[in-house]
């Protein structure tokens, strides 16, 4: 007997944008798939350090940016050197440079939250 797996997702306060715009977040679920097999593993070969302005918090803004970048299919990890009150934050992005380039990363970030974020200086470092 085959069983059908239905993923039930609960949207919590942590997924809300820190600008408190009241927007609802919709997450697509797929019958028969687990969260683990919905994403393909990215083998990062480059570390990109990118300045980002417009972030008011690490959890909400950072999470929004992280989610959008991972959806490109070329980003493995995103972490931040975040200091409360600092105008420009640093995103540390591990990516596969064969799948996503600097222009794509900048385009994705600057399109979020009605152009809330702007990108600045960047630094590329090979991981291997």
N, C-alpha and C. Protein backbone atom coordinates (compact mmCIF):
# COMPACT_ATOMS: atom_id res chain seq x y z
N UNK A 1 0.84 -1.17 0.00
CA UNK A 1 0.00 0.00 0.00
C UNK A 1 0.90 1.24 0.00
N UNK A 2 0.63 2.11 -0.92
CA UNK A 2 1.42 3.34 -0.99
C UNK A 2 0.81 4.37 -0.06
N UNK A 3 1.69 5.06 0.56
CA UNK A 3 1.19 6.15 1.40
C UNK A 3 1.55 7.48 0.76
N UNK A 4 0.68 8.40 0.89
CA UNK A 4 0.91 9.73 0.33
C UNK A 4 1.33 10.65 1.46
N UNK A 5 2.44 11.28 1.23
CA UNK A 5 2.97 12.19 2.24
C UNK A 5 2.52 13.60 1.90
N UNK A 6 1.89 14.23 2.82
CA UNK A 6 1.48 15.62 2.63
C UNK A 6 2.25 16.46 3.63
N UNK A 7 2.92 17.42 3.11
CA UNK A 7 3.70 18.32 3.95
C UNK A 7 2.80 19.46 4.42
N UNK A 8 2.73 19.62 5.70
CA UNK A 8 1.96 20.71 6.27
C UNK A 8 2.94 21.74 6.82
N UNK A 9 2.81 22.93 6.33
CA UNK A 9 3.74 23.98 6.72
C UNK A 9 3.03 25.02 7.58
N UNK A 10 3.65 25.34 8.67
CA UNK A 10 3.10 26.37 9.55
C UNK A 10 3.98 27.60 9.41
N UNK A 11 3.36 28.69 9.04
CA UNK A 11 4.10 29.93 8.87
C UNK A 11 4.12 30.66 10.20
N UNK A 12 5.31 30.85 10.73
CA UNK A 12 5.45 31.50 12.04
C UNK A 12 5.85 32.95 11.92
N UNK A 13 5.97 33.56 13.05
CA UNK A 13 6.35 34.97 13.09
C UNK A 13 7.75 35.21 12.52
N UNK A 14 8.61 34.22 12.62
CA UNK A 14 9.99 34.38 12.15
C UNK A 14 10.07 34.58 10.65
N UNK A 15 9.05 34.12 9.90
CA UNK A 15 9.08 34.28 8.46
C UNK A 15 8.58 35.64 8.01
N UNK A 16 7.97 36.38 8.90
CA UNK A 16 7.46 37.70 8.54
C UNK A 16 8.62 38.66 8.33
N UNK A 17 8.46 39.55 7.41
CA UNK A 17 9.49 40.55 7.16
C UNK A 17 9.59 41.50 8.34
N UNK A 18 10.79 41.95 8.62
CA UNK A 18 10.99 42.81 9.79
C UNK A 18 10.43 44.21 9.58
N UNK A 19 9.99 44.54 8.37
CA UNK A 19 9.40 45.86 8.17
C UNK A 19 7.93 45.88 8.58
N UNK A 20 7.40 44.71 9.04
CA UNK A 20 6.05 44.59 9.56
C UNK A 20 5.01 45.13 8.59
N UNK A 21 5.15 44.74 7.31
CA UNK A 21 4.23 45.24 6.30
C UNK A 21 2.89 44.53 6.34
N UNK A 22 2.79 43.44 7.09
CA UNK A 22 1.55 42.71 7.18
C UNK A 22 1.31 41.77 6.00
N UNK A 23 2.29 41.60 5.12
CA UNK A 23 2.14 40.71 3.97
C UNK A 23 2.07 39.27 4.46
N UNK A 24 1.25 38.46 3.77
CA UNK A 24 1.17 37.05 4.08
C UNK A 24 2.24 36.32 3.28
N UNK A 25 2.81 35.29 3.88
CA UNK A 25 3.82 34.48 3.23
C UNK A 25 3.16 33.18 2.81
N UNK A 26 3.29 32.80 1.54
CA UNK A 26 2.73 31.56 1.04
C UNK A 26 3.86 30.61 0.69
N UNK A 27 3.76 29.40 1.18
CA UNK A 27 4.77 28.40 0.92
C UNK A 27 4.13 27.27 0.13
N UNK A 28 4.72 26.94 -1.00
CA UNK A 28 4.20 25.88 -1.86
C UNK A 28 4.62 24.53 -1.31
N UNK A 29 3.67 23.62 -1.19
CA UNK A 29 3.98 22.26 -0.77
C UNK A 29 3.64 21.32 -1.92
N UNK A 30 4.34 20.20 -1.95
CA UNK A 30 4.16 19.23 -3.02
C UNK A 30 3.86 17.87 -2.41
N UNK A 31 2.78 17.22 -2.86
CA UNK A 31 2.44 15.89 -2.36
C UNK A 31 3.51 14.90 -2.75
N UNK A 32 3.84 14.01 -1.83
CA UNK A 32 4.78 12.94 -2.13
C UNK A 32 6.24 13.34 -2.03
N UNK A 33 6.54 14.56 -1.64
CA UNK A 33 7.93 14.98 -1.51
C UNK A 33 8.18 15.49 -0.11
N UNK A 34 9.37 15.24 0.37
CA UNK A 34 9.77 15.81 1.64
C UNK A 34 10.59 17.05 1.36
N UNK A 35 10.77 17.87 2.36
CA UNK A 35 11.56 19.09 2.18
C UNK A 35 12.98 18.76 1.74
N UNK A 36 13.51 17.61 2.16
CA UNK A 36 14.88 17.24 1.83
C UNK A 36 15.06 16.99 0.33
N UNK A 37 14.07 16.37 -0.34
CA UNK A 37 14.29 16.07 -1.74
C UNK A 37 13.74 17.15 -2.67
N UNK A 38 13.24 18.24 -2.14
CA UNK A 38 12.80 19.35 -2.98
C UNK A 38 13.99 20.23 -3.40
N UNK A 39 15.05 20.24 -2.62
CA UNK A 39 16.22 21.06 -2.93
C UNK A 39 17.36 20.17 -3.42
N UNK A 40 18.07 20.64 -4.45
CA UNK A 40 19.24 19.93 -4.93
C UNK A 40 20.46 20.47 -4.21
N UNK A 41 21.38 19.60 -3.91
CA UNK A 41 22.60 19.98 -3.21
C UNK A 41 23.48 20.85 -4.10
N UNK A 42 23.94 21.95 -3.56
CA UNK A 42 24.85 22.85 -4.26
C UNK A 42 26.25 22.62 -3.72
N UNK A 43 27.20 22.41 -4.60
CA UNK A 43 28.60 22.27 -4.21
C UNK A 43 29.26 23.64 -4.42
N UNK A 44 29.48 24.35 -3.33
CA UNK A 44 30.04 25.70 -3.41
C UNK A 44 31.52 25.66 -3.79
N UNK A 45 31.92 26.55 -4.70
CA UNK A 45 33.32 26.68 -5.06
C UNK A 45 33.84 28.11 -4.85
N UNK A 46 32.94 28.99 -4.40
CA UNK A 46 33.29 30.40 -4.22
C UNK A 46 32.62 30.97 -2.98
N UNK A 47 33.35 31.82 -2.26
CA UNK A 47 32.80 32.58 -1.13
C UNK A 47 32.69 34.03 -1.59
N UNK A 48 31.49 34.56 -1.59
CA UNK A 48 31.25 35.95 -1.96
C UNK A 48 30.92 36.74 -0.71
N UNK A 49 31.68 37.78 -0.44
CA UNK A 49 31.36 38.71 0.64
C UNK A 49 30.79 39.95 -0.03
N UNK A 50 29.55 40.30 0.34
CA UNK A 50 28.83 41.37 -0.34
C UNK A 50 28.23 42.33 0.66
N UNK A 51 28.47 43.62 0.45
CA UNK A 51 27.87 44.65 1.29
C UNK A 51 26.40 44.80 0.92
N UNK A 52 25.54 44.88 1.94
CA UNK A 52 24.11 45.07 1.72
C UNK A 52 23.62 46.18 2.65
N UNK A 53 22.94 47.17 2.07
CA UNK A 53 22.31 48.24 2.85
C UNK A 53 20.81 48.02 2.84
N UNK A 54 20.14 48.50 3.89
CA UNK A 54 18.69 48.40 3.98
C UNK A 54 18.20 47.31 4.90
N UNK A 55 19.13 46.56 5.51
CA UNK A 55 18.73 45.50 6.44
C UNK A 55 18.52 46.11 7.83
N UNK A 56 17.33 45.89 8.39
CA UNK A 56 17.07 46.40 9.73
C UNK A 56 17.20 45.30 10.79
N UNK A 57 17.22 44.04 10.35
CA UNK A 57 17.42 42.94 11.31
C UNK A 57 18.03 41.75 10.58
N UNK A 58 18.73 40.93 11.33
CA UNK A 58 19.40 39.77 10.73
C UNK A 58 18.42 38.63 10.46
N UNK A 59 17.49 38.42 11.36
CA UNK A 59 16.59 37.27 11.24
C UNK A 59 15.58 37.44 10.10
N UNK A 60 14.83 38.51 10.11
CA UNK A 60 13.80 38.73 9.09
C UNK A 60 14.37 39.09 7.74
N UNK A 61 15.13 40.17 7.68
CA UNK A 61 15.73 40.61 6.42
C UNK A 61 16.73 39.58 5.91
N UNK A 62 17.57 39.09 6.81
CA UNK A 62 18.56 38.10 6.42
C UNK A 62 17.93 36.82 5.93
N UNK A 63 16.85 36.40 6.58
CA UNK A 63 16.14 35.20 6.15
C UNK A 63 15.50 35.36 4.79
N UNK A 64 14.94 36.53 4.54
CA UNK A 64 14.33 36.82 3.24
C UNK A 64 15.37 36.74 2.13
N UNK A 65 16.53 37.35 2.37
CA UNK A 65 17.62 37.33 1.38
C UNK A 65 18.13 35.90 1.18
N UNK A 66 18.36 35.19 2.28
CA UNK A 66 18.86 33.82 2.22
C UNK A 66 17.92 32.93 1.39
N UNK A 67 16.64 33.00 1.67
CA UNK A 67 15.65 32.17 0.97
C UNK A 67 15.66 32.47 -0.53
N UNK A 68 15.67 33.73 -0.90
CA UNK A 68 15.66 34.11 -2.32
C UNK A 68 16.93 33.66 -3.03
N UNK A 69 18.08 33.79 -2.37
CA UNK A 69 19.33 33.37 -2.99
C UNK A 69 19.39 31.85 -3.16
N UNK A 70 18.91 31.11 -2.18
CA UNK A 70 18.93 29.65 -2.28
C UNK A 70 18.01 29.18 -3.41
N UNK A 71 16.97 29.93 -3.72
CA UNK A 71 16.06 29.56 -4.79
C UNK A 71 16.69 29.70 -6.18
N UNK A 72 17.84 30.34 -6.29
CA UNK A 72 18.53 30.44 -7.58
C UNK A 72 19.10 29.09 -8.01
N UNK A 73 19.27 28.18 -7.06
CA UNK A 73 19.84 26.87 -7.37
C UNK A 73 21.36 26.85 -7.39
N UNK A 74 21.98 27.99 -7.09
CA UNK A 74 23.43 28.06 -7.11
C UNK A 74 24.05 28.49 -5.80
N UNK A 75 23.23 28.69 -4.76
CA UNK A 75 23.72 29.18 -3.47
C UNK A 75 23.57 28.07 -2.43
N UNK A 76 24.66 27.79 -1.72
CA UNK A 76 24.66 26.77 -0.68
C UNK A 76 24.32 27.36 0.68
N UNK A 77 25.03 28.43 1.08
CA UNK A 77 24.86 29.03 2.42
C UNK A 77 24.91 30.54 2.34
N UNK A 78 24.22 31.17 3.30
CA UNK A 78 24.30 32.62 3.46
C UNK A 78 24.36 32.90 4.96
N UNK A 79 25.40 33.61 5.38
CA UNK A 79 25.51 34.05 6.76
C UNK A 79 25.83 35.54 6.74
N UNK A 80 25.78 36.17 7.89
CA UNK A 80 25.93 37.62 7.94
C UNK A 80 26.91 38.06 9.02
N UNK A 81 27.64 39.12 8.73
CA UNK A 81 28.37 39.88 9.73
C UNK A 81 27.45 41.07 9.99
N UNK A 82 26.52 40.88 10.92
CA UNK A 82 25.46 41.86 11.16
C UNK A 82 25.72 42.58 12.48
N UNK A 83 25.71 43.92 12.42
CA UNK A 83 25.86 44.74 13.61
C UNK A 83 24.66 45.68 13.65
N UNK A 84 23.85 45.56 14.70
CA UNK A 84 22.65 46.38 14.87
C UNK A 84 23.00 47.87 14.74
N UNK A 85 22.26 48.58 13.91
CA UNK A 85 22.46 50.02 13.74
C UNK A 85 23.48 50.40 12.68
N UNK A 86 24.28 49.45 12.23
CA UNK A 86 25.27 49.74 11.19
C UNK A 86 24.54 49.89 9.86
N UNK A 87 24.90 50.85 9.06
CA UNK A 87 24.22 51.13 7.79
C UNK A 87 24.41 50.01 6.77
N UNK A 88 25.62 49.48 6.68
CA UNK A 88 25.93 48.45 5.70
C UNK A 88 26.32 47.15 6.42
N UNK A 89 25.65 46.05 6.06
CA UNK A 89 25.95 44.73 6.62
C UNK A 89 26.72 43.93 5.58
N UNK A 90 27.36 42.86 6.01
CA UNK A 90 28.12 42.01 5.11
C UNK A 90 27.46 40.63 5.04
N UNK A 91 27.10 40.22 3.83
CA UNK A 91 26.58 38.88 3.60
C UNK A 91 27.74 38.01 3.13
N UNK A 92 27.85 36.82 3.71
CA UNK A 92 28.87 35.85 3.31
C UNK A 92 28.13 34.72 2.61
N UNK A 93 28.30 34.66 1.29
CA UNK A 93 27.51 33.78 0.45
C UNK A 93 28.41 32.70 -0.16
N UNK A 94 28.13 31.43 0.16
CA UNK A 94 28.85 30.31 -0.44
C UNK A 94 28.04 29.85 -1.64
N UNK A 95 28.67 29.85 -2.83
CA UNK A 95 27.92 29.55 -4.04
C UNK A 95 28.74 28.78 -5.06
N UNK A 96 28.04 28.25 -6.05
CA UNK A 96 28.67 27.60 -7.19
C UNK A 96 28.71 28.65 -8.29
N UNK A 97 29.89 29.15 -8.59
CA UNK A 97 30.04 30.24 -9.56
C UNK A 97 29.72 29.81 -10.99
N UNK A 98 29.58 28.50 -11.22
CA UNK A 98 29.17 28.01 -12.53
C UNK A 98 27.65 28.12 -12.71
N UNK A 99 26.92 28.26 -11.60
CA UNK A 99 25.46 28.33 -11.66
C UNK A 99 24.90 29.73 -11.43
N UNK A 100 25.61 30.55 -10.66
CA UNK A 100 25.13 31.90 -10.36
C UNK A 100 26.33 32.85 -10.30
N UNK A 101 26.16 34.04 -10.85
CA UNK A 101 27.25 35.02 -10.84
C UNK A 101 26.87 36.24 -10.00
N UNK A 102 27.81 37.16 -9.88
CA UNK A 102 27.61 38.35 -9.05
C UNK A 102 26.40 39.16 -9.50
N UNK A 103 26.22 39.34 -10.77
CA UNK A 103 25.09 40.14 -11.27
C UNK A 103 23.76 39.51 -10.90
N UNK A 104 23.67 38.19 -10.97
CA UNK A 104 22.43 37.50 -10.58
C UNK A 104 22.16 37.68 -9.10
N UNK A 105 23.19 37.53 -8.27
CA UNK A 105 23.04 37.71 -6.83
C UNK A 105 22.55 39.12 -6.51
N UNK A 106 23.18 40.12 -7.11
CA UNK A 106 22.78 41.51 -6.88
C UNK A 106 21.35 41.77 -7.34
N UNK A 107 20.98 41.21 -8.48
CA UNK A 107 19.63 41.40 -9.03
C UNK A 107 18.57 40.80 -8.10
N UNK A 108 18.83 39.61 -7.61
CA UNK A 108 17.89 38.94 -6.71
C UNK A 108 17.71 39.75 -5.42
N UNK A 109 18.82 40.20 -4.82
CA UNK A 109 18.75 40.94 -3.57
C UNK A 109 18.05 42.28 -3.75
N UNK A 110 18.40 43.01 -4.78
CA UNK A 110 17.83 44.35 -4.95
C UNK A 110 16.35 44.33 -5.33
N UNK A 111 15.84 43.20 -5.82
CA UNK A 111 14.42 43.11 -6.19
C UNK A 111 13.52 42.78 -4.99
N UNK A 112 14.10 42.38 -3.87
CA UNK A 112 13.31 41.96 -2.71
C UNK A 112 12.63 43.11 -1.98
N UNK A 113 11.49 42.82 -1.38
CA UNK A 113 10.75 43.78 -0.54
C UNK A 113 10.64 45.16 -1.17
N UNK A 114 10.21 45.18 -2.42
CA UNK A 114 10.01 46.44 -3.16
C UNK A 114 11.29 47.28 -3.16
N UNK A 115 12.41 46.63 -3.50
CA UNK A 115 13.72 47.28 -3.62
C UNK A 115 14.25 47.86 -2.30
N UNK A 116 13.97 47.16 -1.21
CA UNK A 116 14.42 47.61 0.12
C UNK A 116 15.94 47.56 0.26
N UNK A 117 16.59 46.59 -0.40
CA UNK A 117 18.02 46.37 -0.20
C UNK A 117 18.83 46.85 -1.39
N UNK A 118 20.01 47.39 -1.09
CA UNK A 118 20.96 47.76 -2.14
C UNK A 118 22.28 47.07 -1.84
N UNK A 119 23.00 46.74 -2.90
CA UNK A 119 24.27 46.05 -2.73
C UNK A 119 25.43 47.00 -3.01
N UNK A 120 26.56 46.70 -2.40
CA UNK A 120 27.74 47.53 -2.56
C UNK A 120 28.94 46.72 -3.00
N UNK A 121 30.06 46.98 -2.35
CA UNK A 121 31.32 46.31 -2.71
C UNK A 121 31.21 44.81 -2.50
N UNK A 122 31.97 44.09 -3.34
CA UNK A 122 31.98 42.63 -3.23
C UNK A 122 33.41 42.12 -3.27
N UNK A 123 33.60 40.92 -2.72
CA UNK A 123 34.90 40.27 -2.73
C UNK A 123 34.68 38.78 -2.97
N UNK A 124 35.35 38.23 -4.00
CA UNK A 124 35.24 36.82 -4.36
C UNK A 124 36.47 36.07 -3.86
N UNK A 125 36.26 34.90 -3.26
CA UNK A 125 37.36 34.04 -2.83
C UNK A 125 37.05 32.62 -3.24
N UNK A 126 38.00 31.96 -3.89
CA UNK A 126 37.82 30.57 -4.28
C UNK A 126 37.88 29.68 -3.03
N UNK A 127 36.98 28.73 -2.93
CA UNK A 127 36.95 27.81 -1.80
C UNK A 127 37.92 26.67 -2.03
N UNK A 128 38.07 26.23 -3.25
CA UNK A 128 38.94 25.10 -3.55
C UNK A 128 40.23 25.54 -4.16
